[in-house]
Amino acid sequence: MIRARDLLLSDEAQVFIEGDLKLTGNLVTDVTDAVHLVVHGEAKVGAWLRPSQRGAVYLPESVPDPIEGDALKEKRVPTLSSSQSWVEHVLSGQRLLRD
């Protein structure tokens, strides 16, 4: 099992989880077409944020649909505008979404 606050996949990450994924925060996939995320067990995430709308992501049906496109632009905090900003926000534990 992997437990974390937030999980950020960027660039060309390849992550295969044989067990469960438990996030108290958000899953962020800001990636290229080369990315793979596969979770074979159960998954619990606060929200799935998908700024790039790319990559091969295979999650259990229990994970809500991603927030992407215009919906994500409306919900993200104003300081998020580039891939580097996503990385900085996640690593420093900053909020990603507005209330």
PDB file of N, CA and C in Angstrom:
ATOM      1  N   MET A   1       0.842  -1.173   0.000  1.00  0.00           N
ATOM      2  CA  MET A   1       0.000   0.000   0.000  1.00  0.00           C
ATOM      3  C   MET A   1       0.890   1.240   0.000  1.00  0.00           C
ATOM      4  N   ILE A   2       0.472   2.222  -0.759  1.00  0.00           N
ATOM      5  CA  ILE A   2       1.134   3.521  -0.761  1.00  0.00           C
ATOM      6  C   ILE A   2       0.187   4.521  -0.106  1.00  0.00           C
ATOM      7  N   ARG A   3       0.693   5.229   0.909  1.00  0.00           N
ATOM      8  CA  ARG A   3      -0.076   6.271   1.593  1.00  0.00           C
ATOM      9  C   ARG A   3       0.698   7.578   1.458  1.00  0.00           C
ATOM     10  N   ALA A   4      -0.022   8.633   1.110  1.00  0.00           N
ATOM     11  CA  ALA A   4       0.612   9.943   0.982  1.00  0.00           C
ATOM     12  C   ALA A   4      -0.457  11.028   1.049  1.00  0.00           C
ATOM     13  N   ARG A   5      -0.013  12.256   1.169  1.00  0.00           N
ATOM     14  CA  ARG A   5      -0.958  13.378   1.114  1.00  0.00           C
ATOM     15  C   ARG A   5      -1.367  13.599  -0.338  1.00  0.00           C
ATOM     16  N   ASP A   6      -0.409  14.002  -1.167  1.00  0.00           N
ATOM     17  CA  ASP A   6      -0.647  14.222  -2.592  1.00  0.00           C
ATOM     18  C   ASP A   6       0.313  13.365  -3.388  1.00  0.00           C
ATOM     19  N   LEU A   7      -0.082  13.014  -4.598  1.00  0.00           N
ATOM     20  CA  LEU A   7       0.804  12.305  -5.523  1.00  0.00           C
ATOM     21  C   LEU A   7       0.792  13.067  -6.831  1.00  0.00           C
ATOM     22  N   LEU A   8       1.965  13.501  -7.268  1.00  0.00           N
ATOM     23  CA  LEU A   8       2.124  14.231  -8.518  1.00  0.00           C
ATOM     24  C   LEU A   8       2.919  13.381  -9.487  1.00  0.00           C
ATOM     25  N   LEU A   9       2.341  13.123 -10.652  1.00  0.00           N
ATOM     26  CA  LEU A   9       3.064  12.460 -11.729  1.00  0.00           C
ATOM     27  C   LEU A   9       3.312  13.514 -12.802  1.00  0.00           C
ATOM     28  N   SER A  10       4.573  13.651 -13.209  1.00  0.00           N
ATOM     29  CA  SER A  10       4.901  14.648 -14.221  1.00  0.00           C
ATOM     30  C   SER A  10       5.800  14.026 -15.283  1.00  0.00           C
ATOM     31  N   ASP A  11       5.889  14.728 -16.389  1.00  0.00           N
ATOM     32  CA  ASP A  11       6.736  14.344 -17.512  1.00  0.00           C
ATOM     33  C   ASP A  11       6.411  12.936 -18.007  1.00  0.00           C
ATOM     34  N   GLU A  12       7.356  11.985 -17.842  1.00  0.00           N
ATOM     35  CA  GLU A  12       7.181  10.644 -18.398  1.00  0.00           C
ATOM     36  C   GLU A  12       7.226   9.568 -17.315  1.00  0.00           C
ATOM     37  N   ALA A  13       6.561   9.814 -16.207  1.00  0.00           N
ATOM     38  CA  ALA A  13       6.551   8.888 -15.070  1.00  0.00           C
ATOM     39  C   ALA A  13       5.914   7.557 -15.450  1.00  0.00           C
ATOM     40  N   GLN A  14       6.415   6.496 -14.848  1.00  0.00           N
ATOM     41  CA  GLN A  14       5.880   5.150 -15.015  1.00  0.00           C
ATOM     42  C   GLN A  14       5.663   4.581 -13.622  1.00  0.00           C
ATOM     43  N   VAL A  15       4.407   4.477 -13.172  1.00  0.00           N
ATOM     44  CA  VAL A  15       4.122   4.019 -11.817  1.00  0.00           C
ATOM     45  C   VAL A  15       3.110   2.878 -11.894  1.00  0.00           C
ATOM     46  N   PHE A  16       3.510   1.740 -11.329  1.00  0.00           N
ATOM     47  CA  PHE A  16       2.650   0.560 -11.271  1.00  0.00           C
ATOM     48  C   PHE A  16       2.522   0.163  -9.804  1.00  0.00           C
ATOM     49  N   ILE A  17       1.305   0.207  -9.272  1.00  0.00           N
ATOM     50  CA  ILE A  17       1.069  -0.087  -7.871  1.00  0.00           C
ATOM     51  C   ILE A  17       0.283  -1.397  -7.794  1.00  0.00           C
ATOM     52  N   GLU A  18       0.921  -2.419  -7.245  1.00  0.00           N
ATOM     53  CA  GLU A  18       0.287  -3.727  -7.132  1.00  0.00           C
ATOM     54  C   GLU A  18      -0.781  -3.743  -6.043  1.00  0.00           C
ATOM     55  N   GLY A  19      -0.627  -2.906  -5.027  1.00  0.00           N
ATOM     56  CA  GLY A  19      -1.571  -2.869  -3.914  1.00  0.00           C
ATOM     57  C   GLY A  19      -2.486  -1.658  -3.998  1.00  0.00           C
ATOM     58  N   ASP A  20      -2.742  -1.075  -2.829  1.00  0.00           N
ATOM     59  CA  ASP A  20      -3.678   0.045  -2.719  1.00  0.00           C
ATOM     60  C   ASP A  20      -2.963   1.385  -2.761  1.00  0.00           C
ATOM     61  N   LEU A  21      -3.711   2.418  -3.146  1.00  0.00           N
ATOM     62  CA  LEU A  21      -3.240   3.802  -3.140  1.00  0.00           C
ATOM     63  C   LEU A  21      -4.199   4.603  -2.272  1.00  0.00           C
ATOM     64  N   LYS A  22      -3.691   5.200  -1.209  1.00  0.00           N
ATOM     65  CA  LYS A  22      -4.515   5.994  -0.296  1.00  0.00           C
ATOM     66  C   LYS A  22      -3.905   7.387  -0.186  1.00  0.00           C
ATOM     67  N   LEU A  23      -4.601   8.376  -0.736  1.00  0.00           N
ATOM     68  CA  LEU A  23      -4.146   9.764  -0.667  1.00  0.00           C
ATOM     69  C   LEU A  23      -5.130  10.566   0.165  1.00  0.00           C
ATOM     70  N   THR A  24      -4.623  11.332   1.119  1.00  0.00           N
ATOM     71  CA  THR A  24      -5.497  12.223   1.879  1.00  0.00           C
ATOM     72  C   THR A  24      -5.740  13.508   1.101  1.00  0.00           C
ATOM     73  N   GLY A  25      -4.928  13.753   0.097  1.00  0.00           N
ATOM     74  CA  GLY A  25      -5.065  14.936  -0.749  1.00  0.00           C
ATOM     75  C   GLY A  25      -5.437  14.554  -2.169  1.00  0.00           C
ATOM     76  N   ASN A  26      -4.662  15.063  -3.113  1.00  0.00           N
ATOM     77  CA  ASN A  26      -5.021  14.947  -4.526  1.00  0.00           C
ATOM     78  C   ASN A  26      -4.019  14.143  -5.341  1.00  0.00           C
ATOM     79  N   LEU A  27      -4.514  13.557  -6.408  1.00  0.00           N
ATOM     80  CA  LEU A  27      -3.691  12.940  -7.432  1.00  0.00           C
ATOM     81  C   LEU A  27      -3.599  13.947  -8.575  1.00  0.00           C
ATOM     82  N   VAL A  28      -2.373  14.311  -8.953  1.00  0.00           N
ATOM     83  CA  VAL A  28      -2.163  15.264 -10.050  1.00  0.00           C
ATOM     84  C   VAL A  28      -1.392  14.553 -11.151  1.00  0.00           C
ATOM     85  N   THR A  29      -1.965  14.523 -12.355  1.00  0.00           N
ATOM     86  CA  THR A  29      -1.277  13.917 -13.501  1.00  0.00           C
ATOM     87  C   THR A  29      -1.052  14.995 -14.553  1.00  0.00           C
ATOM     88  N   ASP A  30       0.132  15.600 -14.489  1.00  0.00           N
ATOM     89  CA  ASP A  30       0.556  16.641 -15.438  1.00  0.00           C
ATOM     90  C   ASP A  30       1.667  16.021 -16.271  1.00  0.00           C
ATOM     91  N   VAL A  31       1.286  15.287 -17.322  1.00  0.00           N
ATOM     92  CA  VAL A  31       2.183  14.313 -17.933  1.00  0.00           C
ATOM     93  C   VAL A  31       2.183  14.376 -19.459  1.00  0.00           C
ATOM     94  N   THR A  32       3.035  13.523 -20.053  1.00  0.00           N
ATOM     95  CA  THR A  32       3.080  13.343 -21.503  1.00  0.00           C
ATOM     96  C   THR A  32       2.339  12.056 -21.873  1.00  0.00           C
ATOM     97  N   ASP A  33       2.272  11.778 -23.153  1.00  0.00           N
ATOM     98  CA  ASP A  33       1.626  10.548 -23.620  1.00  0.00           C
ATOM     99  C   ASP A  33       2.363   9.289 -23.172  1.00  0.00           C
ATOM    100  N   ALA A  34       3.631   9.411 -22.786  1.00  0.00           N
ATOM    101  CA  ALA A  34       4.434   8.246 -22.397  1.00  0.00           C
ATOM    102  C   ALA A  34       4.118   7.744 -20.984  1.00  0.00           C
ATOM    103  N   VAL A  35       3.367   8.506 -20.228  1.00  0.00           N
ATOM    104  CA  VAL A  35       3.108   8.163 -18.823  1.00  0.00           C
ATOM    105  C   VAL A  35       2.158   6.994 -18.680  1.00  0.00           C
ATOM    106  N   HIS A  36       2.445   6.183 -17.648  1.00  0.00           N
ATOM    107  CA  HIS A  36       1.532   5.119 -17.234  1.00  0.00           C
ATOM    108  C   HIS A  36       1.385   5.180 -15.724  1.00  0.00           C
ATOM    109  N   LEU A  37       0.139   5.150 -15.272  1.00  0.00           N
ATOM    110  CA  LEU A  37      -0.177   4.957 -13.861  1.00  0.00           C
ATOM    111  C   LEU A  37      -1.202   3.841 -13.805  1.00  0.00           C
ATOM    112  N   VAL A  38      -0.858   2.781 -13.092  1.00  0.00           N
ATOM    113  CA  VAL A  38      -1.745   1.631 -12.952  1.00  0.00           C
ATOM    114  C   VAL A  38      -1.854   1.300 -11.470  1.00  0.00           C
ATOM    115  N   VAL A  39      -3.081   1.246 -10.965  1.00  0.00           N
ATOM    116  CA  VAL A  39      -3.328   0.843  -9.582  1.00  0.00           C
ATOM    117  C   VAL A  39      -4.151  -0.432  -9.630  1.00  0.00           C
ATOM    118  N   HIS A  40      -3.562  -1.533  -9.139  1.00  0.00           N
ATOM    119  CA  HIS A  40      -4.236  -2.833  -9.181  1.00  0.00           C
ATOM    120  C   HIS A  40      -5.145  -3.065  -7.988  1.00  0.00           C
ATOM    121  N   GLY A  41      -4.931  -2.343  -6.890  1.00  0.00           N
ATOM    122  CA  GLY A  41      -5.756  -2.514  -5.705  1.00  0.00           C
ATOM    123  C   GLY A  41      -6.826  -1.444  -5.615  1.00  0.00           C
ATOM    124  N   GLU A  42      -7.217  -1.138  -4.390  1.00  0.00           N
ATOM    125  CA  GLU A  42      -8.186  -0.073  -4.148  1.00  0.00           C
ATOM    126  C   GLU A  42      -7.470   1.273  -4.216  1.00  0.00           C
ATOM    127  N   ALA A  43      -8.233   2.323  -4.502  1.00  0.00           N
ATOM    128  CA  ALA A  43      -7.658   3.671  -4.530  1.00  0.00           C
ATOM    129  C   ALA A  43      -8.618   4.652  -3.901  1.00  0.00           C
ATOM    130  N   LYS A  44      -8.063   5.531  -3.078  1.00  0.00           N
ATOM    131  CA  LYS A  44      -8.848   6.603  -2.479  1.00  0.00           C
ATOM    132  C   LYS A  44      -8.054   7.886  -2.648  1.00  0.00           C
ATOM    133  N   VAL A  45      -8.654   8.866  -3.319  1.00  0.00           N
ATOM    134  CA  VAL A  45      -8.010  10.165  -3.525  1.00  0.00           C
ATOM    135  C   VAL A  45      -9.029  11.263  -3.259  1.00  0.00           C
ATOM    136  N   GLY A  46      -8.537  12.420  -2.805  1.00  0.00           N
ATOM    137  CA  GLY A  46      -9.430  13.542  -2.597  1.00  0.00           C
ATOM    138  C   GLY A  46     -10.042  14.001  -3.906  1.00  0.00           C
ATOM    139  N   ALA A  47      -9.189  14.246  -4.877  1.00  0.00           N
ATOM    140  CA  ALA A  47      -9.610  14.616  -6.228  1.00  0.00           C
ATOM    141  C   ALA A  47      -8.490  14.239  -7.182  1.00  0.00           C
ATOM    142  N   TRP A  48      -8.868  13.946  -8.412  1.00  0.00           N
ATOM    143  CA  TRP A  48      -7.896  13.664  -9.465  1.00  0.00           C
ATOM    144  C   TRP A  48      -7.862  14.897 -10.359  1.00  0.00           C
ATOM    145  N   LEU A  49      -6.719  15.588 -10.342  1.00  0.00           N
ATOM    146  CA  LEU A  49      -6.523  16.798 -11.132  1.00  0.00           C
ATOM    147  C   LEU A  49      -5.683  16.441 -12.348  1.00  0.00           C
ATOM    148  N   ARG A  50      -6.188  16.762 -13.524  1.00  0.00           N
ATOM    149  CA  ARG A  50      -5.536  16.321 -14.763  1.00  0.00           C
ATOM    150  C   ARG A  50      -5.287  17.516 -15.688  1.00  0.00           C
ATOM    151  N   PRO A  51      -4.251  18.336 -15.376  1.00  0.00           N
ATOM    152  CA  PRO A  51      -4.002  19.527 -16.186  1.00  0.00           C
ATOM    153  C   PRO A  51      -3.610  19.233 -17.627  1.00  0.00           C
ATOM    154  N   SER A  52      -2.925  18.123 -17.883  1.00  0.00           N
ATOM    155  CA  SER A  52      -2.437  17.873 -19.250  1.00  0.00           C
ATOM    156  C   SER A  52      -3.389  17.044 -20.098  1.00  0.00           C
ATOM    157  N   GLN A  53      -4.326  16.328 -19.487  1.00  0.00           N
ATOM    158  CA  GLN A  53      -5.276  15.466 -20.200  1.00  0.00           C
ATOM    159  C   GLN A  53      -4.568  14.467 -21.115  1.00  0.00           C
ATOM    160  N   ARG A  54      -3.419  13.970 -20.669  1.00  0.00           N
ATOM    161  CA  ARG A  54      -2.642  13.016 -21.461  1.00  0.00           C
ATOM    162  C   ARG A  54      -2.219  11.848 -20.573  1.00  0.00           C
ATOM    163  N   GLY A  55      -1.598  10.853 -21.181  1.00  0.00           N
ATOM    164  CA  GLY A  55      -1.078   9.716 -20.453  1.00  0.00           C
ATOM    165  C   GLY A  55      -2.094   8.598 -20.308  1.00  0.00           C
ATOM    166  N   ALA A  56      -1.580   7.418 -19.965  1.00  0.00           N
ATOM    167  CA  ALA A  56      -2.416   6.239 -19.758  1.00  0.00           C
ATOM    168  C   ALA A  56      -2.568   6.025 -18.254  1.00  0.00           C
ATOM    169  N   VAL A  57      -3.759   6.302 -17.739  1.00  0.00           N
ATOM    170  CA  VAL A  57      -4.011   6.205 -16.304  1.00  0.00           C
ATOM    171  C   VAL A  57      -5.137   5.203 -16.083  1.00  0.00           C
ATOM    172  N   TYR A  58      -4.824   4.154 -15.329  1.00  0.00           N
ATOM    173  CA  TYR A  58      -5.786   3.092 -15.058  1.00  0.00           C
ATOM    174  C   TYR A  58      -6.021   3.019 -13.555  1.00  0.00           C
ATOM    175  N   LEU A  59      -7.198   3.486 -13.139  1.00  0.00           N
ATOM    176  CA  LEU A  59      -7.558   3.535 -11.729  1.00  0.00           C
ATOM    177  C   LEU A  59      -8.840   2.756 -11.501  1.00  0.00           C
ATOM    178  N   PRO A  60      -9.052   2.281 -10.260  1.00  0.00           N
ATOM    179  CA  PRO A  60     -10.319   1.600  -9.959  1.00  0.00           C
ATOM    180  C   PRO A  60     -11.506   2.548 -10.159  1.00  0.00           C
ATOM    181  N   GLU A  61     -12.678   1.969 -10.364  1.00  0.00           N
ATOM    182  CA  GLU A  61     -13.889   2.764 -10.583  1.00  0.00           C
ATOM    183  C   GLU A  61     -14.245   3.637  -9.390  1.00  0.00           C
ATOM    184  N   SER A  62     -13.692   3.341  -8.218  1.00  0.00           N
ATOM    185  CA  SER A  62     -13.996   4.120  -7.020  1.00  0.00           C
ATOM    186  C   SER A  62     -13.409   5.537  -7.071  1.00  0.00           C
ATOM    187  N   VAL A  63     -12.448   5.750  -7.951  1.00  0.00           N
ATOM    188  CA  VAL A  63     -11.826   7.080  -8.083  1.00  0.00           C
ATOM    189  C   VAL A  63     -12.740   7.960  -8.925  1.00  0.00           C
ATOM    190  N   PRO A  64     -13.030   9.167  -8.422  1.00  0.00           N
ATOM    191  CA  PRO A  64     -13.901  10.058  -9.199  1.00  0.00           C
ATOM    192  C   PRO A  64     -13.260  10.458 -10.522  1.00  0.00           C
ATOM    193  N   ASP A  65     -14.086  10.838 -11.475  1.00  0.00           N
ATOM    194  CA  ASP A  65     -13.567  11.316 -12.759  1.00  0.00           C
ATOM    195  C   ASP A  65     -12.628  12.487 -12.526  1.00  0.00           C
ATOM    196  N   PRO A  66     -11.657  12.665 -13.432  1.00  0.00           N
ATOM    197  CA  PRO A  66     -10.706  13.765 -13.236  1.00  0.00           C
ATOM    198  C   PRO A  66     -11.355  15.130 -13.424  1.00  0.00           C
ATOM    199  N   ILE A  67     -10.779  16.097 -12.727  1.00  0.00           N
ATOM    200  CA  ILE A  67     -11.126  17.493 -12.963  1.00  0.00           C
ATOM    201  C   ILE A  67     -10.108  17.988 -13.976  1.00  0.00           C
ATOM    202  N   GLU A  68     -10.583  18.445 -15.128  1.00  0.00           N
ATOM    203  CA  GLU A  68      -9.671  18.827 -16.197  1.00  0.00           C
ATOM    204  C   GLU A  68     -10.258  19.972 -17.016  1.00  0.00           C
ATOM    205  N   GLY A  69      -9.467  20.480 -17.947  1.00  0.00           N
ATOM    206  CA  GLY A  69      -9.938  21.524 -18.859  1.00  0.00           C
ATOM    207  C   GLY A  69     -10.410  22.777 -18.144  1.00  0.00           C
ATOM    208  N   ASP A  70     -11.498  23.337 -18.628  1.00  0.00           N
ATOM    209  CA  ASP A  70     -12.039  24.578 -18.062  1.00  0.00           C
ATOM    210  C   ASP A  70     -12.472  24.415 -16.613  1.00  0.00           C
ATOM    211  N   ALA A  71     -12.982  23.245 -16.258  1.00  0.00           N
ATOM    212  CA  ALA A  71     -13.404  23.009 -14.869  1.00  0.00           C
ATOM    213  C   ALA A  71     -12.212  23.130 -13.926  1.00  0.00           C
ATOM    214  N   LEU A  72     -11.050  22.616 -14.342  1.00  0.00           N
ATOM    215  CA  LEU A  72      -9.853  22.713 -13.506  1.00  0.00           C
ATOM    216  C   LEU A  72      -9.363  24.154 -13.432  1.00  0.00           C
ATOM    217  N   LYS A  73      -9.403  24.865 -14.551  1.00  0.00           N
ATOM    218  CA  LYS A  73      -8.980  26.270 -14.550  1.00  0.00           C
ATOM    219  C   LYS A  73      -9.806  27.091 -13.572  1.00  0.00           C
ATOM    220  N   GLU A  74     -11.081  26.787 -13.455  1.00  0.00           N
ATOM    221  CA  GLU A  74     -11.958  27.517 -12.539  1.00  0.00           C
ATOM    222  C   GLU A  74     -11.717  27.144 -11.080  1.00  0.00           C
ATOM    223  N   LYS A  75     -11.323  25.899 -10.815  1.00  0.00           N
ATOM    224  CA  LYS A  75     -11.202  25.423  -9.434  1.00  0.00           C
ATOM    225  C   LYS A  75      -9.805  25.545  -8.850  1.00  0.00           C
ATOM    226  N   ARG A  76      -8.764  25.624  -9.685  1.00  0.00           N
ATOM    227  CA  ARG A  76      -7.411  25.675  -9.146  1.00  0.00           C
ATOM    228  C   ARG A  76      -7.109  27.046  -8.541  1.00  0.00           C
ATOM    229  N   VAL A  77      -6.159  27.060  -7.621  1.00  0.00           N
ATOM    230  CA  VAL A  77      -5.763  28.328  -7.021  1.00  0.00           C
ATOM    231  C   VAL A  77      -5.082  29.174  -8.096  1.00  0.00           C
ATOM    232  N   PRO A  78      -5.182  30.502  -8.014  1.00  0.00           N
ATOM    233  CA  PRO A  78      -4.665  31.368  -9.077  1.00  0.00           C
ATOM    234  C   PRO A  78      -3.158  31.259  -9.322  1.00  0.00           C
ATOM    235  N   THR A  79      -2.396  30.802  -8.340  1.00  0.00           N
ATOM    236  CA  THR A  79      -0.945  30.729  -8.507  1.00  0.00           C
ATOM    237  C   THR A  79      -0.496  29.530  -9.342  1.00  0.00           C
ATOM    238  N   LEU A  80      -1.408  28.656  -9.710  1.00  0.00           N
ATOM    239  CA  LEU A  80      -1.071  27.503 -10.550  1.00  0.00           C
ATOM    240  C   LEU A  80      -1.276  27.843 -12.015  1.00  0.00           C
ATOM    241  N   SER A  81      -0.174  27.966 -12.747  1.00  0.00           N
ATOM    242  CA  SER A  81      -0.303  28.308 -14.158  1.00  0.00           C
ATOM    243  C   SER A  81       0.609  27.496 -15.068  1.00  0.00           C
ATOM    244  N   SER A  82       1.562  26.755 -14.492  1.00  0.00           N
ATOM    245  CA  SER A  82       2.486  25.969 -15.313  1.00  0.00           C
ATOM    246  C   SER A  82       2.803  24.656 -14.613  1.00  0.00           C
ATOM    247  N   SER A  83       3.457  23.756 -15.326  1.00  0.00           N
ATOM    248  CA  SER A  83       3.843  22.472 -14.740  1.00  0.00           C
ATOM    249  C   SER A  83       4.745  22.678 -13.526  1.00  0.00           C
ATOM    250  N   GLN A  84       5.670  23.612 -13.613  1.00  0.00           N
ATOM    251  CA  GLN A  84       6.557  23.871 -12.487  1.00  0.00           C
ATOM    252  C   GLN A  84       5.762  24.319 -11.272  1.00  0.00           C
ATOM    253  N   SER A  85       4.734  25.098 -11.477  1.00  0.00           N
ATOM    254  CA  SER A  85       3.907  25.541 -10.358  1.00  0.00           C
ATOM    255  C   SER A  85       3.235  24.352  -9.674  1.00  0.00           C
ATOM    256  N   TRP A  86       2.748  23.373 -10.435  1.00  0.00           N
ATOM    257  CA  TRP A  86       2.149  22.178  -9.837  1.00  0.00           C
ATOM    258  C   TRP A  86       3.164  21.476  -8.945  1.00  0.00           C
ATOM    259  N   VAL A  87       4.386  21.305  -9.453  1.00  0.00           N
ATOM    260  CA  VAL A  87       5.434  20.629  -8.679  1.00  0.00           C
ATOM    261  C   VAL A  87       5.723  21.409  -7.404  1.00  0.00           C
ATOM    262  N   GLU A  88       5.915  22.705  -7.533  1.00  0.00           N
ATOM    263  CA  GLU A  88       6.227  23.531  -6.365  1.00  0.00           C
ATOM    264  C   GLU A  88       5.105  23.480  -5.328  1.00  0.00           C
ATOM    265  N   HIS A  89       3.869  23.561  -5.769  1.00  0.00           N
ATOM    266  CA  HIS A  89       2.739  23.540  -4.847  1.00  0.00           C
ATOM    267  C   HIS A  89       2.641  22.209  -4.104  1.00  0.00           C
ATOM    268  N   VAL A  90       2.794  21.104  -4.812  1.00  0.00           N
ATOM    269  CA  VAL A  90       2.690  19.795  -4.166  1.00  0.00           C
ATOM    270  C   VAL A  90       3.851  19.585  -3.192  1.00  0.00           C
ATOM    271  N   LEU A  91       5.075  19.899  -3.613  1.00  0.00           N
ATOM    272  CA  LEU A  91       6.233  19.672  -2.744  1.00  0.00           C
ATOM    273  C   LEU A  91       6.214  20.540  -1.491  1.00  0.00           C
ATOM    274  N   SER A  92       5.655  21.719  -1.588  1.00  0.00           N
ATOM    275  CA  SER A  92       5.614  22.607  -0.421  1.00  0.00           C
ATOM    276  C   SER A  92       4.329  22.447   0.394  1.00  0.00           C
ATOM    277  N   GLY A  93       3.435  21.550  -0.031  1.00  0.00           N
ATOM    278  CA  GLY A  93       2.211  21.298   0.704  1.00  0.00           C
ATOM    279  C   GLY A  93       1.173  22.391   0.576  1.00  0.00           C
ATOM    280  N   GLN A  94       1.274  23.195  -0.480  1.00  0.00           N
ATOM    281  CA  GLN A  94       0.307  24.274  -0.694  1.00  0.00           C
ATOM    282  C   GLN A  94      -0.996  23.743  -1.255  1.00  0.00           C
ATOM    283  N   ARG A  95      -2.042  24.515  -1.066  1.00  0.00           N
ATOM    284  CA  ARG A  95      -3.356  24.152  -1.612  1.00  0.00           C
ATOM    285  C   ARG A  95      -3.312  24.169  -3.132  1.00  0.00           C
ATOM    286  N   LEU A  96      -4.099  23.273  -3.720  1.00  0.00           N
ATOM    287  CA  LEU A  96      -4.195  23.196  -5.172  1.00  0.00           C
ATOM    288  C   LEU A  96      -5.515  23.713  -5.688  1.00  0.00           C
ATOM    289  N   LEU A  97      -6.562  23.565  -4.898  1.00  0.00           N
ATOM    290  CA  LEU A  97      -7.905  23.966  -5.318  1.00  0.00           C
ATOM    291  C   LEU A  97      -8.455  25.054  -4.417  1.00  0.00           C
ATOM    292  N   ARG A  98      -9.313  25.888  -4.999  1.00  0.00           N
ATOM    293  CA  ARG A  98     -10.037  26.891  -4.216  1.00  0.00           C
ATOM    294  C   ARG A  98     -11.055  26.175  -3.350  1.00  0.00           C
ATOM    295  N   ASP A  99     -11.573  26.866  -2.360  1.00  0.00           N
ATOM    296  CA  ASP A  99     -12.614  26.290  -1.492  1.00  0.00           C
ATOM    297  C   ASP A  99     -13.871  26.003  -2.255  1.00  0.00           C
TER     298      ASP A  99
END
